[in-house]
Amino acid sequence: MHPKNKSIYTLQFILLCMSSLLFSSSFNMIIPELPSYLSSLGGAEYKGFIISLFTLTAAISRPFSGKLTDKWGRVPVMAVGSVVCLICGFLYPILSSVSGFLFLRLVHGFSTGFKPTATSAYVADIIPQERWGEALGMHGLCFSIGGALGPALGGMVVNAYGIDVMFYSSSFLAFLSIVIVMNMKETLAAKEKLHKSMFYIGRKDIIDIGALPAGVITFFSYTAYGLILTLIPDWSEHLGAENKGVFFTAFTIASVLVRFGAGKVSDRHGRTNVILAGLIVTSIALFVISTGNSITVLLTGAAIYGMGTGILSPAINAWTIDLSNPQHRGKAIATMYISMELGIGLGALLGGSYYSDQISRIPQIMKVDILVLFMGVLYLLYWKRKSANKKIQNN
């Protein structure tokens, strides 16, 4: 049977998607509640650090997770990411000071620094190259479902049982993810035993130069996500939303609806064409969010933003793998994720610092980020032109 006609929905792939759905639900369910929780601890001025500290350690851990993924194995690295989520969920109610909270945000970042890196490499191992876009789109769909269910579930748990139970629920979902991961088959053929040398990171282990174009686009596009994670909970409350997770649910549902199709389109018509469309749609979403003054407009912006991320995510992931060397797939994926964390972290830090609990500044911040996305468009057009000229010269 031709690879294009063979089903990609094997038991391994289904288990991978289920573990990612639970993992995504685990860390996403607490995000909408964290700004008000930090304020209740007396740390309102540190809201910009909620996401930026998380992404800082995620970015720092990427070179390690990339190297470990290529040497130690995909499965143990995925398990480490979920274990961090499990531990942090139990510690939030215990370390209930501003400093303790900020420390946990640092530690919690290791979770996304490890699991997604190994997960993307696992997908590339078990799926034919001509189906990577489709498979990553479907996997991203499951990750997004977790991103939608998590905040909604978190809001319901907080309203019914309090915030401590929400943190414990986050740990429970991470535990279920670990159970699934530990029953998955390892796909790394040349798996090595864990050794201290694997934790030595040289200059060449940090960035995969070949995958850098995908990293640049990832950086520009994810500054918007950093702003949204930091500012939208307060903006939703300002507009009268009872559940601060409603924005994230709306944007994730929209993302789910387009991810699968967008991944297939990128397989057939090219990654960069799809990425260009995603950047434009994301810019439109930020403009709608910045001009709205009602829940209806906010949710409209959320849906458009979900479409933008649903278009971008599988195409960028597949493009990264396209640009990578199979022996250094983990490093290439880590490079893309480092760029993602830098984009999210910088957006959250700068946006949160300027915001300073002055609600009227949120629309201004969103509009400024449209210019950042436009820089991504310009870079992509430059890369496409440079790549086309290189092909002409080679011919």
Protein backbone atom coordinates (compact mmCIF):
# COMPACT_ATOMS: atom_id res chain seq x y z
CA MET A 1 0.00 0.00 0.00
CA HIS A 2 1.30 3.45 -0.89
CA PRO A 3 2.28 5.55 2.20
CA LYS A 4 -0.23 8.23 1.21
CA ASN A 5 -3.07 5.67 1.42
CA LYS A 6 -1.88 3.88 4.55
CA SER A 7 -3.58 4.94 7.78
CA ILE A 8 -1.42 6.94 10.20
CA TYR A 9 -3.76 6.14 13.10
CA THR A 10 -1.79 3.31 14.68
CA LEU A 11 -1.99 2.41 18.37
CA GLN A 12 1.32 4.22 18.97
CA PHE A 13 0.03 7.41 17.39
CA ILE A 14 -3.30 7.27 19.25
CA LEU A 15 -1.53 6.76 22.60
CA LEU A 16 0.79 9.66 21.81
CA CYS A 17 -2.16 11.93 21.07
CA MET A 18 -3.96 10.90 24.27
CA SER A 19 -0.90 11.54 26.43
CA SER A 20 -0.47 14.98 24.86
CA LEU A 21 -4.14 15.84 25.38
CA LEU A 22 -3.84 15.06 29.09
CA PHE A 23 -0.49 16.83 29.39
CA SER A 24 -1.86 19.94 27.68
CA SER A 25 -4.95 19.92 29.91
CA SER A 26 -2.73 19.62 32.99
CA PHE A 27 -0.67 22.78 32.55
CA ASN A 28 -3.28 24.82 30.66
CA MET A 29 -6.07 24.39 33.19
CA ILE A 30 -4.32 26.61 35.75
CA ILE A 31 -3.22 29.46 33.44
CA PRO A 32 -6.41 31.61 33.40
CA GLU A 33 -6.59 31.56 37.21
CA LEU A 34 -2.95 32.45 37.88
CA PRO A 35 -3.11 36.26 37.42
CA SER A 36 -5.82 36.70 40.06
CA TYR A 37 -4.17 34.07 42.27
CA LEU A 38 -0.88 35.97 42.15
CA SER A 39 -2.74 39.19 43.01
CA SER A 40 -4.29 37.45 46.02
CA LEU A 41 -0.77 36.60 47.19
CA GLY A 42 0.22 40.28 46.93
CA GLY A 43 2.19 40.01 43.69
CA ALA A 44 0.00 41.85 41.17
CA GLU A 45 2.99 43.74 39.78
CA TYR A 46 4.63 40.43 38.79
CA LYS A 47 1.92 39.21 36.41
CA GLY A 48 4.26 39.51 33.45
CA PHE A 49 6.47 36.88 35.10
CA ILE A 50 3.73 34.21 35.20
CA ILE A 51 4.43 33.22 31.62
CA SER A 52 7.92 34.64 31.11
CA LEU A 53 9.48 32.61 33.96
CA PHE A 54 7.74 29.48 32.70
CA THR A 55 9.05 30.00 29.18
CA LEU A 56 12.54 30.93 30.43
CA THR A 57 13.21 27.49 31.89
CA ALA A 58 11.41 25.84 28.98
CA ALA A 59 13.83 27.57 26.61
CA ILE A 60 16.90 26.80 28.77
CA SER A 61 15.95 23.12 28.96
CA ARG A 62 15.43 22.69 25.20
CA PRO A 63 19.08 21.97 24.29
CA PHE A 64 19.15 19.33 27.05
CA SER A 65 15.83 17.78 26.01
CA GLY A 66 16.92 17.80 22.36
CA LYS A 67 20.18 16.00 23.14
CA LEU A 68 18.49 13.55 25.50
CA THR A 69 15.77 12.87 22.90
CA ASP A 70 18.44 11.97 20.30
CA LYS A 71 20.47 9.81 22.71
CA TRP A 72 18.47 8.61 25.73
CA GLY A 73 15.16 8.11 23.93
CA ARG A 74 11.82 9.71 23.12
CA VAL A 75 9.73 7.95 25.79
CA PRO A 76 11.78 8.82 28.93
CA VAL A 77 12.06 12.47 27.89
CA MET A 78 8.27 12.66 27.40
CA ALA A 79 7.80 11.08 30.83
CA VAL A 80 10.09 13.63 32.51
CA GLY A 81 7.95 16.48 31.17
CA SER A 82 4.75 15.01 32.62
CA VAL A 83 6.42 14.22 35.96
CA VAL A 84 7.34 17.91 36.39
CA CYS A 85 3.66 18.86 35.89
CA LEU A 86 2.59 16.29 38.47
CA ILE A 87 5.03 17.58 41.11
CA CYS A 88 4.32 21.27 40.56
CA GLY A 89 0.57 20.80 40.87
CA PHE A 90 1.05 19.48 44.39
CA LEU A 91 3.49 22.23 45.37
CA TYR A 92 1.49 25.33 44.36
CA PRO A 93 -0.79 25.18 47.46
CA ILE A 94 2.25 24.56 49.70
CA LEU A 95 4.57 27.31 48.39
CA SER A 96 1.88 29.94 48.73
CA SER A 97 4.04 33.06 48.84
CA VAL A 98 4.92 35.36 45.94
CA SER A 99 8.52 34.11 45.88
CA GLY A 100 7.40 30.49 46.17
CA PHE A 101 4.90 30.95 43.34
CA LEU A 102 7.49 32.54 41.03
CA PHE A 103 9.96 29.75 41.84
CA LEU A 104 7.36 27.14 40.87
CA ARG A 105 6.68 28.92 37.58
CA LEU A 106 10.39 28.54 36.85
CA VAL A 107 10.34 24.82 37.69
CA HIS A 108 7.05 24.21 35.88
CA GLY A 109 8.62 25.44 32.63
CA PHE A 110 10.77 22.31 32.46
CA SER A 111 7.62 20.35 31.63
CA THR A 112 7.07 21.97 28.24
CA GLY A 113 10.83 22.10 27.73
CA PHE A 114 10.90 18.29 27.65
CA LYS A 115 7.67 16.63 26.53
CA PRO A 116 6.84 18.46 23.25
CA THR A 117 10.43 18.11 21.97
CA ALA A 118 10.40 14.33 22.32
CA THR A 119 6.80 14.10 21.12
CA SER A 120 7.51 15.79 17.78
CA ALA A 121 10.52 13.52 17.24
CA TYR A 122 8.33 10.50 18.03
CA VAL A 123 5.77 11.59 15.41
CA ALA A 124 8.51 11.96 12.80
CA ASP A 125 9.78 8.46 13.67
CA ILE A 126 6.47 6.65 13.15
CA ILE A 127 4.90 8.69 10.30
CA PRO A 128 6.08 8.80 6.64
CA GLN A 129 7.58 12.17 5.65
CA GLU A 130 4.86 12.93 3.11
CA ARG A 131 2.27 12.71 5.93
CA TRP A 132 4.12 14.76 8.57
CA GLY A 133 1.93 17.83 8.13
CA GLU A 134 -1.24 15.79 8.47
CA ALA A 135 0.04 13.85 11.49
CA LEU A 136 1.37 16.92 13.29
CA GLY A 137 -1.92 18.66 12.56
CA MET A 138 -3.88 15.81 14.14
CA HIS A 139 -1.50 15.64 17.11
CA GLY A 140 -1.75 19.41 17.48
CA LEU A 141 -5.53 19.06 17.37
CA CYS A 142 -5.39 16.75 20.41
CA PHE A 143 -2.97 19.12 22.17
CA SER A 144 -5.39 21.95 21.42
CA ILE A 145 -8.37 20.00 22.74
CA GLY A 146 -6.43 19.74 25.99
CA GLY A 147 -5.81 23.48 25.78
CA ALA A 148 -9.57 24.03 25.46
CA LEU A 149 -10.74 21.54 28.06
CA GLY A 150 -8.10 22.51 30.61
CA PRO A 151 -9.00 26.20 31.17
CA ALA A 152 -12.75 25.45 31.10
CA LEU A 153 -12.31 22.59 33.58
CA GLY A 154 -10.00 24.70 35.73
CA GLY A 155 -12.57 27.50 35.94
CA MET A 156 -15.33 25.06 36.93
CA VAL A 157 -13.18 23.38 39.59
CA VAL A 158 -12.16 26.72 41.12
CA ASN A 159 -15.76 27.95 41.24
CA ALA A 160 -16.98 24.70 42.83
CA TYR A 161 -14.11 23.55 45.06
CA GLY A 162 -11.46 26.27 45.25
CA ILE A 163 -8.08 26.84 43.68
CA ASP A 164 -6.15 24.19 45.67
CA VAL A 165 -8.33 21.42 44.22
CA MET A 166 -7.64 22.85 40.76
CA PHE A 167 -3.89 22.46 41.34
CA TYR A 168 -4.36 18.86 42.53
CA SER A 169 -6.57 18.13 39.49
CA SER A 170 -3.73 19.37 37.29
CA SER A 171 -1.41 16.85 38.93
CA PHE A 172 -3.90 14.03 38.40
CA LEU A 173 -4.12 14.71 34.66
CA ALA A 174 -0.32 14.72 34.46
CA PHE A 175 -0.28 11.36 36.23
CA LEU A 176 -2.61 9.87 33.61
CA SER A 177 -0.31 11.21 30.88
CA ILE A 178 2.67 9.47 32.53
CA VAL A 179 0.80 6.14 32.68
CA ILE A 180 0.14 6.28 28.93
CA VAL A 181 3.68 7.35 28.02
CA MET A 182 5.30 4.56 30.05
CA ASN A 183 3.31 1.99 28.06
CA MET A 184 4.52 3.29 24.68
CA LYS A 185 7.18 1.62 22.53
CA GLU A 186 10.52 3.43 22.19
CA THR A 187 11.27 4.49 18.59
CA LEU A 188 14.91 5.60 18.91
CA ALA A 189 16.95 2.81 17.31
CA ALA A 190 20.37 3.75 18.73
CA LYS A 191 19.17 4.30 22.29
CA GLU A 192 21.94 4.87 24.87
CA LYS A 193 21.96 4.50 28.65
CA LEU A 194 21.58 7.73 30.58
CA HIS A 195 25.03 9.16 31.25
CA LYS A 196 26.28 12.41 32.73
CA SER A 197 27.90 13.31 29.39
CA MET A 198 24.39 13.75 27.97
CA PHE A 199 23.99 16.79 30.22
CA TYR A 200 27.05 18.51 28.83
CA ILE A 201 25.84 21.07 26.31
CA GLY A 202 28.39 22.44 23.89
CA ARG A 203 27.88 25.35 21.54
CA LYS A 204 26.88 23.01 18.70
CA ASP A 205 24.19 21.35 20.84
CA ILE A 206 22.13 24.51 21.36
CA ILE A 207 20.97 25.57 17.90
CA ASP A 208 20.43 23.62 14.68
CA ILE A 209 21.44 26.12 12.00
CA GLY A 210 19.47 24.31 9.32
CA ALA A 211 16.21 24.70 11.28
CA LEU A 212 16.86 28.36 12.16
CA PRO A 213 14.50 29.85 9.50
CA ALA A 214 11.60 27.99 11.11
CA GLY A 215 12.82 29.25 14.49
CA VAL A 216 12.79 32.89 13.37
CA ILE A 217 9.18 32.64 12.15
CA THR A 218 8.21 30.82 15.35
CA PHE A 219 9.68 33.63 17.46
CA PHE A 220 7.75 36.38 15.68
CA SER A 221 4.46 34.50 15.61
CA TYR A 222 4.45 33.44 19.28
CA THR A 223 4.98 36.87 20.82
CA ALA A 224 1.21 37.22 20.40
CA TYR A 225 0.61 34.10 22.47
CA GLY A 226 2.71 35.48 25.30
CA LEU A 227 0.54 38.61 25.35
CA ILE A 228 -2.67 36.60 25.25
CA LEU A 229 -1.68 34.28 28.11
CA THR A 230 -0.72 37.29 30.26
CA LEU A 231 -3.40 39.86 29.41
CA ILE A 232 -6.54 38.08 28.20
CA PRO A 233 -7.64 36.73 31.63
CA ASP A 234 -7.84 40.32 32.98
CA TRP A 235 -9.33 41.63 29.71
CA SER A 236 -12.00 38.89 29.79
CA GLU A 237 -12.90 39.79 33.37
CA HIS A 238 -13.03 43.50 32.42
CA LEU A 239 -15.51 42.72 29.66
CA GLY A 240 -17.73 40.74 32.04
CA ALA A 241 -16.79 37.09 31.44
CA GLU A 242 -17.72 34.88 34.40
CA ASN A 243 -15.23 32.17 33.39
CA LYS A 244 -11.82 33.57 32.43
CA GLY A 245 -11.09 30.41 30.44
CA VAL A 246 -13.84 31.13 27.88
CA PHE A 247 -11.44 32.93 25.50
CA PHE A 248 -9.05 29.96 25.51
CA THR A 249 -11.90 27.54 24.91
CA ALA A 250 -13.17 29.55 21.92
CA PHE A 251 -9.74 29.97 20.33
CA THR A 252 -8.88 26.30 20.83
CA ILE A 253 -12.14 25.07 19.29
CA ALA A 254 -11.41 27.21 16.22
CA SER A 255 -7.85 25.91 16.14
CA VAL A 256 -9.09 22.32 16.29
CA LEU A 257 -11.40 22.88 13.32
CA VAL A 258 -8.61 24.04 11.00
CA ARG A 259 -5.49 22.16 12.21
CA PHE A 260 -6.13 18.87 10.46
CA GLY A 261 -6.94 20.47 7.12
CA ALA A 262 -4.08 22.99 7.39
CA GLY A 263 -1.57 20.20 7.96
CA LYS A 264 -2.76 18.40 4.82
CA VAL A 265 -2.58 21.62 2.80
CA SER A 266 1.03 22.19 3.90
CA ASP A 267 1.89 18.65 2.73
CA ARG A 268 0.51 19.41 -0.73
CA HIS A 269 1.16 23.11 -1.33
CA GLY A 270 4.24 23.90 0.76
CA ARG A 271 4.91 24.89 4.35
CA THR A 272 5.87 28.52 3.74
CA ASN A 273 2.71 29.35 1.79
CA VAL A 274 0.56 28.05 4.65
CA ILE A 275 2.71 29.83 7.27
CA LEU A 276 2.31 33.15 5.41
CA ALA A 277 -1.46 32.75 5.52
CA GLY A 278 -1.30 31.93 9.23
CA LEU A 279 0.67 35.09 10.05
CA ILE A 280 -1.89 37.24 8.21
CA VAL A 281 -4.87 35.60 9.96
CA THR A 282 -3.16 36.00 13.37
CA SER A 283 -2.62 39.72 12.68
CA ILE A 284 -6.32 40.14 11.88
CA ALA A 285 -7.18 38.40 15.16
CA LEU A 286 -5.07 40.82 17.22
CA PHE A 287 -6.71 43.78 15.48
CA VAL A 288 -10.20 42.43 16.29
CA ILE A 289 -9.26 41.80 19.94
CA SER A 290 -7.77 45.30 20.26
CA THR A 291 -10.86 47.04 18.88
CA GLY A 292 -13.53 45.08 20.74
CA ASN A 293 -15.43 46.19 23.84
CA SER A 294 -17.77 43.24 24.36
CA ILE A 295 -17.60 39.51 25.02
CA THR A 296 -18.97 38.83 21.53
CA VAL A 297 -16.14 40.70 19.84
CA LEU A 298 -13.59 39.12 22.18
CA LEU A 299 -14.79 35.62 21.29
CA THR A 300 -14.77 36.54 17.60
CA GLY A 301 -11.13 37.58 17.98
CA ALA A 302 -10.46 34.36 19.90
CA ALA A 303 -11.91 32.28 17.05
CA ILE A 304 -9.84 34.11 14.42
CA TYR A 305 -6.73 33.73 16.57
CA GLY A 306 -7.47 30.03 16.90
CA MET A 307 -7.65 29.76 13.12
CA GLY A 308 -4.28 31.54 12.84
CA THR A 309 -2.53 29.23 15.31
CA GLY A 310 -4.24 26.20 13.78
CA ILE A 311 -2.79 27.14 10.41
CA LEU A 312 0.68 28.04 11.75
CA SER A 313 1.46 25.29 14.23
CA PRO A 314 1.43 22.10 12.10
CA ALA A 315 3.10 23.88 9.17
CA ILE A 316 5.94 25.28 11.33
CA ASN A 317 6.46 21.91 13.05
CA ALA A 318 6.58 20.05 9.73
CA TRP A 319 8.85 22.72 8.17
CA THR A 320 11.27 22.33 11.09
CA ILE A 321 11.46 18.58 10.53
CA ASP A 322 11.84 19.13 6.76
CA LEU A 323 14.89 21.30 7.43
CA SER A 324 16.45 18.90 9.94
CA ASN A 325 18.97 16.08 9.68
CA PRO A 326 17.32 12.78 10.83
CA GLN A 327 20.21 12.14 13.26
CA HIS A 328 19.69 15.54 14.90
CA ARG A 329 15.92 15.70 14.76
CA GLY A 330 15.62 16.37 18.49
CA LYS A 331 18.04 19.30 18.26
CA ALA A 332 16.14 20.82 15.33
CA ILE A 333 12.82 20.55 17.14
CA ALA A 334 14.44 21.99 20.27
CA THR A 335 15.66 24.95 18.19
CA MET A 336 12.11 25.67 17.06
CA TYR A 337 10.79 25.37 20.61
CA ILE A 338 13.54 27.62 22.02
CA SER A 339 12.37 30.27 19.57
CA MET A 340 8.79 29.67 20.66
CA GLU A 341 9.63 30.10 24.34
CA LEU A 342 11.63 33.25 23.61
CA GLY A 343 8.71 34.69 21.66
CA ILE A 344 6.14 33.80 24.31
CA GLY A 345 8.40 34.91 27.17
CA LEU A 346 9.39 38.24 25.60
CA GLY A 347 5.79 39.00 24.66
CA ALA A 348 4.61 38.19 28.18
CA LEU A 349 7.42 40.10 29.92
CA LEU A 350 7.29 43.29 27.84
CA GLY A 351 3.50 43.27 27.52
CA GLY A 352 2.98 42.54 31.20
CA SER A 353 5.50 45.17 32.30
CA TYR A 354 3.88 47.90 30.22
CA TYR A 355 0.39 46.77 31.21
CA SER A 356 0.98 47.22 34.99
CA ASP A 357 -2.70 46.49 35.79
CA GLN A 358 -3.88 49.47 33.66
CA ILE A 359 -6.64 47.84 31.64
CA SER A 360 -6.81 50.64 29.04
CA ARG A 361 -3.33 49.72 27.79
CA ILE A 362 -4.26 46.22 26.59
CA PRO A 363 -5.64 47.31 23.16
CA GLN A 364 -2.47 49.36 22.53
CA ILE A 365 -0.25 46.38 23.32
CA MET A 366 -2.17 44.12 20.93
CA LYS A 367 -1.84 46.63 18.09
CA VAL A 368 1.92 46.96 18.59
CA ASP A 369 2.30 43.21 18.25
CA ILE A 370 0.70 43.34 14.81
CA LEU A 371 3.90 45.11 13.70
CA VAL A 372 5.94 42.24 15.15
CA LEU A 373 3.95 39.74 13.11
CA PHE A 374 4.51 41.89 10.02
CA MET A 375 8.26 41.55 10.62
CA GLY A 376 7.72 37.80 10.45
CA VAL A 377 5.94 38.19 7.11
CA LEU A 378 8.85 40.23 5.73
CA TYR A 379 11.41 37.65 6.88
CA LEU A 380 9.44 34.78 5.35
CA LEU A 381 9.16 36.58 2.00
CA TYR A 382 12.92 37.27 2.12
CA TRP A 383 13.66 33.60 2.85
CA LYS A 384 11.38 32.39 0.05
CA ARG A 385 13.08 34.70 -2.45
CA LYS A 386 16.55 33.68 -1.27
CA SER A 387 15.64 29.99 -1.48
CA ALA A 388 14.21 30.40 -5.00
CA ASN A 389 17.37 32.18 -6.19
CA LYS A 390 19.53 29.40 -4.71
CA LYS A 391 17.57 26.76 -6.64
CA ILE A 392 18.01 28.71 -9.87
CA GLN A 393 21.78 28.96 -9.31
CA ASN A 394 22.04 25.22 -8.56
CA ASN A 395 20.21 24.38 -11.78
